[in-house]
Protein backbone atom coordinates (compact mmCIF):
# COMPACT_ATOMS: atom_id res chain seq x y z
CA MET A 1 -11.60 62.72 141.72
CA ALA A 2 -10.91 65.87 139.71
CA PRO A 3 -7.60 66.39 137.90
CA VAL A 4 -4.88 68.46 139.57
CA THR A 5 -5.38 72.19 139.04
CA GLY A 6 -3.42 73.49 136.08
CA THR A 7 -3.23 70.19 134.20
CA VAL A 8 -4.56 69.95 130.65
CA THR A 9 -7.14 67.27 130.09
CA GLY A 10 -8.46 65.97 126.82
CA THR A 11 -11.97 65.74 125.44
CA LEU A 12 -14.34 62.81 125.16
CA VAL A 13 -16.44 62.97 121.99
CA LEU A 14 -19.54 60.80 121.65
CA ALA A 15 -20.30 60.45 117.96
CA GLY A 16 -23.56 59.28 116.43
CA THR A 17 -23.17 56.86 113.54
CA PRO A 18 -25.68 55.87 110.83
CA ILE A 19 -28.37 53.37 111.86
CA GLY A 20 -28.63 52.18 108.28
CA ASP A 21 -27.92 54.49 105.36
CA VAL A 22 -24.32 55.66 105.54
CA ALA A 23 -25.36 58.90 103.81
CA ASP A 24 -27.01 59.88 107.09
CA ALA A 25 -23.61 60.26 108.79
CA PRO A 26 -23.31 63.74 110.33
CA PRO A 27 -20.75 65.93 108.52
CA ARG A 28 -18.65 66.36 111.67
CA LEU A 29 -18.18 62.61 112.05
CA ALA A 30 -15.57 62.41 109.28
CA ALA A 31 -13.60 65.31 110.75
CA GLU A 32 -13.65 63.81 114.24
CA LEU A 33 -12.54 60.41 112.95
CA GLU A 34 -9.50 62.02 111.33
CA ARG A 35 -8.74 64.29 114.29
CA ALA A 36 -9.05 61.88 117.23
CA ASP A 37 -5.99 60.68 119.11
CA VAL A 38 -7.90 57.55 120.14
CA VAL A 39 -10.97 56.02 118.50
CA ALA A 40 -12.86 53.61 120.74
CA ALA A 41 -15.20 51.50 118.62
CA GLU A 42 -17.79 48.90 119.56
CA ASP A 43 -16.69 46.85 116.55
CA THR A 44 -13.41 47.78 114.88
CA ARG A 45 -14.39 45.91 111.69
CA ARG A 46 -17.55 47.96 111.33
CA LEU A 47 -15.53 51.08 112.01
CA ARG A 48 -13.21 50.14 109.15
CA ARG A 49 -16.18 49.72 106.79
CA LEU A 50 -17.59 53.07 107.92
CA THR A 51 -14.36 54.98 107.36
CA GLN A 52 -14.00 53.41 103.93
CA ALA A 53 -17.55 54.42 103.03
CA LEU A 54 -16.90 57.97 104.23
CA GLY A 55 -13.53 58.15 102.50
CA VAL A 56 -11.64 59.09 105.65
CA HIS A 57 -8.50 57.78 107.32
CA THR A 58 -8.04 57.53 111.07
CA THR A 59 -4.60 58.60 112.24
CA GLY A 60 -5.20 57.94 115.93
CA ARG A 61 -4.99 54.66 117.83
CA VAL A 62 -8.06 52.43 117.35
CA VAL A 63 -9.22 50.26 120.25
CA SER A 64 -12.26 48.08 120.80
CA TYR A 65 -14.82 49.18 123.38
CA PHE A 66 -17.77 46.83 123.74
CA GLU A 67 -19.91 45.29 126.46
CA GLY A 68 -17.41 42.55 127.22
CA ASN A 69 -14.43 44.85 127.86
CA GLU A 70 -16.15 48.11 128.79
CA SER A 71 -15.31 47.90 132.49
CA ALA A 72 -11.70 46.92 131.92
CA ARG A 73 -10.98 49.42 129.14
CA THR A 74 -12.60 52.49 130.75
CA PRO A 75 -9.62 53.24 133.08
CA GLU A 76 -7.26 53.08 130.09
CA LEU A 77 -9.34 55.59 128.14
CA VAL A 78 -9.69 57.85 131.18
CA GLU A 79 -5.91 57.81 131.54
CA ALA A 80 -5.59 58.92 127.91
CA LEU A 81 -8.10 61.70 128.53
CA THR A 82 -6.35 62.96 131.63
CA GLY A 83 -3.15 63.01 129.55
CA GLY A 84 -4.75 65.42 127.09
CA ALA A 85 -5.97 63.03 124.38
CA ARG A 86 -9.06 63.58 122.26
CA VAL A 87 -10.98 60.31 122.52
CA LEU A 88 -13.76 59.57 120.03
CA LEU A 89 -16.34 56.96 121.02
CA VAL A 90 -18.48 55.30 118.33
CA THR A 91 -20.82 52.32 118.45
CA ASP A 92 -22.21 50.12 115.70
CA ALA A 93 -25.20 52.40 115.11
CA GLY A 94 -26.77 55.45 116.75
CA MET A 95 -25.55 57.30 119.82
CA PRO A 96 -23.08 55.77 122.29
CA SER A 97 -24.45 54.93 125.77
CA VAL A 98 -28.07 54.63 124.53
CA SER A 99 -28.44 50.84 124.95
CA ASP A 100 -24.82 50.72 123.76
CA PRO A 101 -21.41 51.00 125.46
CA GLY A 102 -20.49 54.46 126.71
CA TYR A 103 -22.21 55.18 130.02
CA ARG A 104 -19.30 54.01 132.17
CA LEU A 105 -16.82 56.13 130.26
CA VAL A 106 -19.01 59.23 130.33
CA ALA A 107 -19.60 58.83 134.08
CA ALA A 108 -15.87 58.38 134.72
CA ALA A 109 -15.00 61.43 132.62
CA VAL A 110 -17.61 63.60 134.32
CA GLU A 111 -16.33 62.51 137.74
CA ARG A 112 -12.87 63.77 136.79
CA ASP A 113 -14.17 67.02 135.31
CA ILE A 114 -13.11 66.01 131.80
CA LYS A 115 -14.94 67.74 128.96
CA VAL A 116 -17.55 65.58 127.25
CA THR A 117 -19.17 66.66 124.00
CA ALA A 118 -21.14 64.99 121.21
CA VAL A 119 -21.54 64.80 117.47
CA PRO A 120 -25.33 64.45 117.11
CA GLY A 121 -26.39 61.72 114.78
CA PRO A 122 -29.17 59.34 113.76
CA SER A 123 -31.27 57.78 116.49
CA ALA A 124 -33.45 54.69 116.12
CA VAL A 125 -35.53 55.87 119.09
CA LEU A 126 -36.46 59.25 117.62
CA THR A 127 -36.80 57.92 114.08
CA ALA A 128 -39.21 55.19 115.18
CA LEU A 129 -41.22 57.66 117.26
CA ALA A 130 -41.57 60.03 114.33
CA LEU A 131 -42.71 57.24 111.98
CA SER A 132 -45.00 55.46 114.43
CA GLY A 133 -48.02 57.73 114.10
CA LEU A 134 -48.39 57.62 117.90
CA PRO A 135 -48.20 60.59 120.31
CA VAL A 136 -44.63 61.90 120.60
CA ASP A 137 -45.04 64.87 122.93
CA ARG A 138 -44.15 62.68 125.93
CA PHE A 139 -42.33 59.35 125.75
CA CYS A 140 -39.99 57.09 127.69
CA PHE A 141 -37.30 54.76 126.37
CA GLU A 142 -37.25 51.32 128.00
CA GLY A 143 -34.37 49.74 126.05
CA PHE A 144 -34.33 45.94 125.78
CA LEU A 145 -36.72 43.84 127.86
CA PRO A 146 -35.37 40.86 129.84
CA ARG A 147 -34.99 37.65 127.85
CA LYS A 148 -36.70 35.39 130.41
CA ALA A 149 -40.49 35.29 130.04
CA GLY A 150 -41.27 35.84 133.72
CA GLU A 151 -38.90 38.78 134.08
CA ARG A 152 -40.22 40.27 130.84
CA LEU A 153 -43.82 40.14 132.07
CA SER A 154 -42.79 41.64 135.40
CA ARG A 155 -41.04 44.57 133.68
CA LEU A 156 -44.06 45.21 131.47
CA ARG A 157 -46.42 45.17 134.45
CA GLU A 158 -44.33 47.91 136.06
CA VAL A 159 -45.33 50.28 133.23
CA ALA A 160 -48.86 48.98 132.58
CA GLY A 161 -50.34 52.30 133.65
CA GLU A 162 -47.69 54.52 132.01
CA ARG A 163 -49.41 57.20 129.94
CA ARG A 164 -46.36 58.25 127.95
CA THR A 165 -45.53 56.53 124.67
CA LEU A 166 -43.12 53.63 125.27
CA VAL A 167 -40.14 52.76 123.06
CA TYR A 168 -38.32 49.42 123.13
CA PHE A 169 -35.50 47.71 121.26
CA GLU A 170 -35.91 44.00 120.54
CA ALA A 171 -34.15 41.16 118.76
CA PRO A 172 -36.09 39.75 115.79
CA HIS A 173 -36.20 36.18 117.14
CA ARG A 174 -37.89 37.40 120.36
CA LEU A 175 -40.30 39.84 118.71
CA ASP A 176 -43.35 37.56 118.64
CA ASP A 177 -42.97 36.58 122.32
CA THR A 178 -42.47 40.20 123.33
CA LEU A 179 -45.52 41.45 121.43
CA ALA A 180 -47.62 38.62 122.87
CA ALA A 181 -46.48 39.58 126.38
CA MET A 182 -47.30 43.23 125.68
CA ALA A 183 -50.76 42.25 124.42
CA GLU A 184 -51.32 40.27 127.62
CA VAL A 185 -50.29 43.10 129.93
CA PHE A 186 -51.35 46.22 127.98
CA GLY A 187 -54.35 44.75 126.14
CA GLU A 188 -54.62 43.41 122.59
CA GLU A 189 -56.11 46.64 121.24
CA ARG A 190 -53.34 48.95 122.53
CA ARG A 191 -51.88 50.64 119.46
CA ALA A 192 -48.26 50.04 118.55
CA ALA A 193 -45.78 50.20 115.69
CA VAL A 194 -42.99 47.79 114.86
CA CYS A 195 -40.22 49.60 113.00
CA ARG A 196 -37.86 47.30 111.13
CA GLU A 197 -34.58 48.05 109.36
CA LEU A 198 -34.92 51.83 109.73
CA THR A 199 -33.29 53.85 106.91
CA LYS A 200 -32.18 50.62 105.20
CA THR A 201 -33.31 49.14 101.87
CA TYR A 202 -36.05 47.00 103.40
CA GLU A 203 -37.36 49.51 105.91
CA GLU A 204 -40.84 48.62 107.16
CA VAL A 205 -43.22 50.10 109.71
CA LYS A 206 -46.05 47.79 110.75
CA ARG A 207 -48.81 49.49 112.72
CA GLY A 208 -51.80 47.99 114.55
CA GLY A 209 -53.06 46.63 117.84
CA LEU A 210 -50.63 44.59 119.92
CA GLY A 211 -52.63 41.41 119.42
CA GLU A 212 -52.65 41.85 115.66
CA LEU A 213 -48.93 42.63 115.61
CA ALA A 214 -48.13 39.56 117.75
CA ARG A 215 -49.92 37.31 115.26
CA TRP A 216 -48.06 38.98 112.38
CA ALA A 217 -44.68 38.55 114.08
CA ALA A 218 -45.35 34.84 114.73
CA GLU A 219 -44.69 34.23 111.03
CA GLY A 220 -41.10 35.41 111.51
CA VAL A 221 -39.50 38.85 111.20
CA ARG A 222 -35.93 39.77 110.34
CA GLY A 223 -33.78 42.84 110.87
CA GLU A 224 -33.18 45.34 113.65
CA ILE A 225 -36.37 46.14 115.54
CA THR A 226 -37.71 49.15 117.44
CA ILE A 227 -41.16 48.89 119.03
CA VAL A 228 -43.28 51.94 119.82
CA VAL A 229 -46.31 51.41 122.09
CA GLU A 230 -49.10 53.85 122.86
CA GLY A 231 -49.31 54.93 126.47
CA ALA A 232 -52.13 53.85 128.77
CA PRO A 233 -55.39 55.69 128.07
CA GLU A 234 -56.55 58.46 130.39
CA THR A 235 -59.83 56.84 131.35
CA GLY A 236 -62.40 58.05 133.86
CA PRO A 237 -64.75 55.95 136.02
CA ALA A 238 -67.49 55.84 133.40
CA GLU A 239 -65.09 54.62 130.74
CA LEU A 240 -63.83 51.54 132.60
CA ASP A 241 -66.02 48.47 132.25
CA ALA A 242 -65.93 45.54 134.67
CA ALA A 243 -63.66 43.48 132.41
CA GLU A 244 -61.03 46.22 132.36
CA LEU A 245 -61.16 46.59 136.14
CA VAL A 246 -60.68 42.83 136.54
CA ARG A 247 -57.79 42.86 134.06
CA ARG A 248 -56.03 45.63 135.97
CA VAL A 249 -56.42 43.76 139.26
CA ARG A 250 -55.07 40.57 137.66
CA VAL A 251 -52.02 42.40 136.29
CA ARG A 252 -51.20 43.74 139.74
CA GLU A 253 -51.75 40.36 141.41
CA GLU A 254 -49.45 38.67 138.91
CA ALA A 255 -46.85 41.32 139.69
CA GLY A 256 -46.92 40.16 143.33
CA GLU A 257 -49.52 42.38 145.02
CA ARG A 258 -52.08 40.86 147.35
CA ARG A 259 -55.65 41.05 146.08
CA LYS A 260 -56.66 43.57 148.72
CA GLU A 261 -53.88 45.98 147.74
CA ALA A 262 -54.47 45.39 144.02
CA ILE A 263 -58.16 46.20 144.30
CA ALA A 264 -57.46 49.31 146.37
CA ALA A 265 -54.86 50.56 143.87
CA VAL A 266 -57.10 49.98 140.85
CA ALA A 267 -60.00 51.69 142.59
CA ALA A 268 -57.83 54.69 143.45
CA ASP A 269 -56.52 54.98 139.88
CA ALA A 270 -60.04 54.79 138.45
CA GLY A 271 -61.62 57.05 141.04
CA LEU A 272 -64.05 54.32 142.08
CA PRO A 273 -65.13 52.86 145.43
CA LYS A 274 -63.19 49.73 146.39
CA ARG A 275 -66.47 47.82 146.66
CA GLU A 276 -67.23 48.40 142.97
CA VAL A 277 -63.90 46.95 141.88
CA PHE A 278 -64.24 44.09 144.35
CA ASP A 279 -67.70 43.24 143.01
CA ALA A 280 -66.33 43.12 139.47
CA VAL A 281 -63.56 40.73 140.57
CA VAL A 282 -66.03 38.47 142.42
CA ALA A 283 -68.43 38.42 139.47
CA ALA A 284 -65.62 37.46 137.10
CA LYS A 285 -64.44 34.73 139.47
CA ASN A 286 -67.94 33.30 139.84
CA ALA A 287 -68.39 33.30 136.08
CA SER A 288 -65.15 31.35 135.53
CA PRO A 289 -64.91 27.53 135.66
CA GLU A 290 -62.55 27.79 138.61
CA GLY A 291 -65.31 28.60 141.09
CA SER A 292 -66.21 31.50 143.34
CA ALA A 293 -64.27 34.14 145.20
CA ASP A 294 -64.75 34.71 148.89
CA GLY A 295 -63.44 38.25 148.96
CA LYS A 296 -60.84 37.60 151.65
CA GLY A 297 -58.59 40.52 152.40
CA LEU A 298 -61.03 43.30 151.49
CA SER A 299 -61.65 45.78 154.25
């Protein structure tokens, strides 16, 4: 619902904050912190440390705005905006609404035709991409993967054929499991980079195949993590061996597809006859200790 014609509405400002080194704070951030009527912060204690480091003093009202109260607090902030307030939204690090609180407020402001602007700032996504050494001309950000193993594998299988570079956030205590799952779905040799503690004192970028990185992470890794994974290769029929065809069928079957549909989809993607993919699956089944395949479901 748009505001009544003739009324003066405020402005919502999304401000990027440092992801590590406070010296990376955009120059406008200090000015906006001092100017705002309301500062909505993911963590008010971190905001206090940030303002002290920047040498600024907030004169506006400071409120918390985090995942637990985002839904309840959004109407209050919208009311302030419709009353003409300048509301500044900051999160712990990086840009608001990118895997952080902010989307609900932006959507609500846009719905009411309230001006939304931004103070560009550091981004873990773009920083990790730039440092990864992987293609950056096309990429997609996948955020955090599900915590449960089965749901995590299912989400990864959805993008198994994605050719754009993939970017993920992950908690350090789940990194080894996540990399192992990626190696299972994408292949152990798929190139990736684990970016740890970006712009901080102990910044580290570990590059290698997913299998190698999973074994490295099993020893324990600390800090804030961004994972960059190479997209699926653009392979032609001559470049796909039988093992890769079988792997692709297995990934689709584990995602819930029937074997017939999985074989047809893999054959279509590879530009091969269905019979060739089917034969590879049967040969692999016969070679395994589990026994033979009867090829049911193939037309």
